[in-house]
Amino acid sequence: KSREYISRCMRKYLDITVTEFINDIRLSFIASQLVSGNKSITVLCNEAGFYSLSWFNKIFLKKYAMTPREMRKKGKYNEGFDI
């Protein structure tokens, strides 16, 4: 299947773009690492493929309604938040 076909199907059936889907996976990885690991937020951000910390913080806040630092401090991550 072509990239365009997959993109159209994701939008039609899941109501999400490919980029949003990938970002959700990346954010889930970071959220789980924040509460279980001790790597810095910047390192996690880069490992997940976010090279702009300000962009990462913006979409993280939008998805989880808290900053990465707040999530680490609370020590709680619920996988039920995802997609």
C-alpha atoms as a PDB file:
ATOM      1  CA  LYS A   1       0.000   0.000   0.000  1.00  0.00           C
ATOM      2  CA  SER A   2       1.175   3.526  -0.649  1.00  0.00           C
ATOM      3  CA  ARG A   3       1.933   6.098   2.036  1.00  0.00           C
ATOM      4  CA  GLU A   4      -0.957   8.183   0.821  1.00  0.00           C
ATOM      5  CA  TYR A   5      -3.386   5.277   1.100  1.00  0.00           C
ATOM      6  CA  ILE A   6      -2.319   4.488   4.654  1.00  0.00           C
ATOM      7  CA  SER A   7      -2.542   8.148   5.560  1.00  0.00           C
ATOM      8  CA  ARG A   8      -6.075   8.408   4.169  1.00  0.00           C
ATOM      9  CA  CYS A   9      -7.175   5.225   5.965  1.00  0.00           C
ATOM     10  CA  MET A  10      -5.766   6.414   9.295  1.00  0.00           C
ATOM     11  CA  ARG A  11      -7.557   9.720   8.920  1.00  0.00           C
ATOM     12  CA  LYS A  12     -10.804   8.072   7.846  1.00  0.00           C
ATOM     13  CA  TYR A  13     -10.983   5.206  10.345  1.00  0.00           C
ATOM     14  CA  LEU A  14      -8.931   6.414  13.297  1.00  0.00           C
ATOM     15  CA  ASP A  15      -9.473  10.169  12.882  1.00  0.00           C
ATOM     16  CA  ILE A  16      -5.767  10.754  13.419  1.00  0.00           C
ATOM     17  CA  THR A  17      -2.897  11.675  11.125  1.00  0.00           C
ATOM     18  CA  VAL A  18       0.224   9.569  10.759  1.00  0.00           C
ATOM     19  CA  THR A  19       2.242  12.300  12.475  1.00  0.00           C
ATOM     20  CA  GLU A  20      -0.169  12.430  15.407  1.00  0.00           C
ATOM     21  CA  PHE A  21       0.002   8.638  15.716  1.00  0.00           C
ATOM     22  CA  ILE A  22       3.802   8.624  15.737  1.00  0.00           C
ATOM     23  CA  ASN A  23       3.927  11.501  18.216  1.00  0.00           C
ATOM     24  CA  ASP A  24       1.535   9.621  20.519  1.00  0.00           C
ATOM     25  CA  ILE A  25       3.864   6.615  20.509  1.00  0.00           C
ATOM     26  CA  ARG A  26       6.855   8.845  21.224  1.00  0.00           C
ATOM     27  CA  LEU A  27       5.031  10.669  24.024  1.00  0.00           C
ATOM     28  CA  SER A  28       3.939   7.379  25.590  1.00  0.00           C
ATOM     29  CA  PHE A  29       7.535   6.174  25.597  1.00  0.00           C
ATOM     30  CA  ILE A  30       8.722   9.361  27.280  1.00  0.00           C
ATOM     31  CA  ALA A  31       5.900   9.360  29.831  1.00  0.00           C
ATOM     32  CA  SER A  32       6.692   5.803  30.904  1.00  0.00           C
ATOM     33  CA  GLN A  33      10.404   6.613  31.146  1.00  0.00           C
ATOM     34  CA  LEU A  34       9.740   9.745  33.191  1.00  0.00           C
ATOM     35  CA  VAL A  35       8.215   7.801  36.052  1.00  0.00           C
ATOM     36  CA  SER A  36      10.358   4.675  35.893  1.00  0.00           C
ATOM     37  CA  GLY A  37      13.763   6.022  34.922  1.00  0.00           C
ATOM     38  CA  ASN A  38      16.147   8.763  35.829  1.00  0.00           C
ATOM     39  CA  LYS A  39      17.289  10.104  32.455  1.00  0.00           C
ATOM     40  CA  SER A  40      16.901  13.813  31.942  1.00  0.00           C
ATOM     41  CA  ILE A  41      13.882  15.106  30.077  1.00  0.00           C
ATOM     42  CA  THR A  42      16.135  16.506  27.354  1.00  0.00           C
ATOM     43  CA  VAL A  43      17.819  13.132  26.797  1.00  0.00           C
ATOM     44  CA  LEU A  44      14.456  11.350  26.648  1.00  0.00           C
ATOM     45  CA  CYS A  45      13.153  13.977  24.263  1.00  0.00           C
ATOM     46  CA  ASN A  46      16.094  13.454  21.893  1.00  0.00           C
ATOM     47  CA  GLU A  47      15.932   9.654  22.166  1.00  0.00           C
ATOM     48  CA  ALA A  48      12.285   9.739  21.133  1.00  0.00           C
ATOM     49  CA  GLY A  49      13.036  11.902  18.112  1.00  0.00           C
ATOM     50  CA  PHE A  50      11.932  15.310  19.346  1.00  0.00           C
ATOM     51  CA  TYR A  51      14.723  17.750  18.625  1.00  0.00           C
ATOM     52  CA  SER A  52      12.848  20.866  19.695  1.00  0.00           C
ATOM     53  CA  LEU A  53      12.307  20.909  23.429  1.00  0.00           C
ATOM     54  CA  SER A  54       9.750  23.704  23.192  1.00  0.00           C
ATOM     55  CA  TRP A  55       7.668  21.768  20.637  1.00  0.00           C
ATOM     56  CA  PHE A  56       7.916  18.632  22.733  1.00  0.00           C
ATOM     57  CA  ASN A  57       6.763  20.483  25.861  1.00  0.00           C
ATOM     58  CA  LYS A  58       3.837  21.965  23.965  1.00  0.00           C
ATOM     59  CA  ILE A  59       2.469  18.665  22.663  1.00  0.00           C
ATOM     60  CA  PHE A  60       3.222  16.831  25.928  1.00  0.00           C
ATOM     61  CA  LEU A  61       1.212  19.403  27.858  1.00  0.00           C
ATOM     62  CA  LYS A  62      -1.621  19.145  25.340  1.00  0.00           C
ATOM     63  CA  LYS A  63      -1.774  15.345  25.618  1.00  0.00           C
ATOM     64  CA  TYR A  64      -1.282  14.849  29.361  1.00  0.00           C
ATOM     65  CA  ALA A  65      -2.462  18.206  30.784  1.00  0.00           C
ATOM     66  CA  MET A  66       0.783  18.474  32.754  1.00  0.00           C
ATOM     67  CA  THR A  67       4.406  19.171  31.991  1.00  0.00           C
ATOM     68  CA  PRO A  68       6.994  16.383  31.843  1.00  0.00           C
ATOM     69  CA  ARG A  69       8.487  17.690  35.080  1.00  0.00           C
ATOM     70  CA  GLU A  70       5.095  17.549  36.807  1.00  0.00           C
ATOM     71  CA  MET A  71       4.567  13.971  35.607  1.00  0.00           C
ATOM     72  CA  ARG A  72       7.974  12.929  36.908  1.00  0.00           C
ATOM     73  CA  LYS A  73       7.285  14.628  40.250  1.00  0.00           C
ATOM     74  CA  LYS A  74       3.886  12.921  40.629  1.00  0.00           C
ATOM     75  CA  GLY A  75       5.407   9.610  39.568  1.00  0.00           C
ATOM     76  CA  LYS A  76       2.206   8.557  37.872  1.00  0.00           C
ATOM     77  CA  TYR A  77       1.673   7.480  34.305  1.00  0.00           C
ATOM     78  CA  ASN A  78      -1.471   5.699  33.246  1.00  0.00           C
ATOM     79  CA  GLU A  79      -1.313   4.006  29.863  1.00  0.00           C
ATOM     80  CA  GLY A  80      -5.044   4.617  29.581  1.00  0.00           C
ATOM     81  CA  PHE A  81      -4.240   8.191  28.555  1.00  0.00           C
ATOM     82  CA  ASP A  82      -2.948   7.059  25.186  1.00  0.00           C
ATOM     83  CA  ILE A  83      -4.562   7.273  21.783  1.00  0.00           C
END
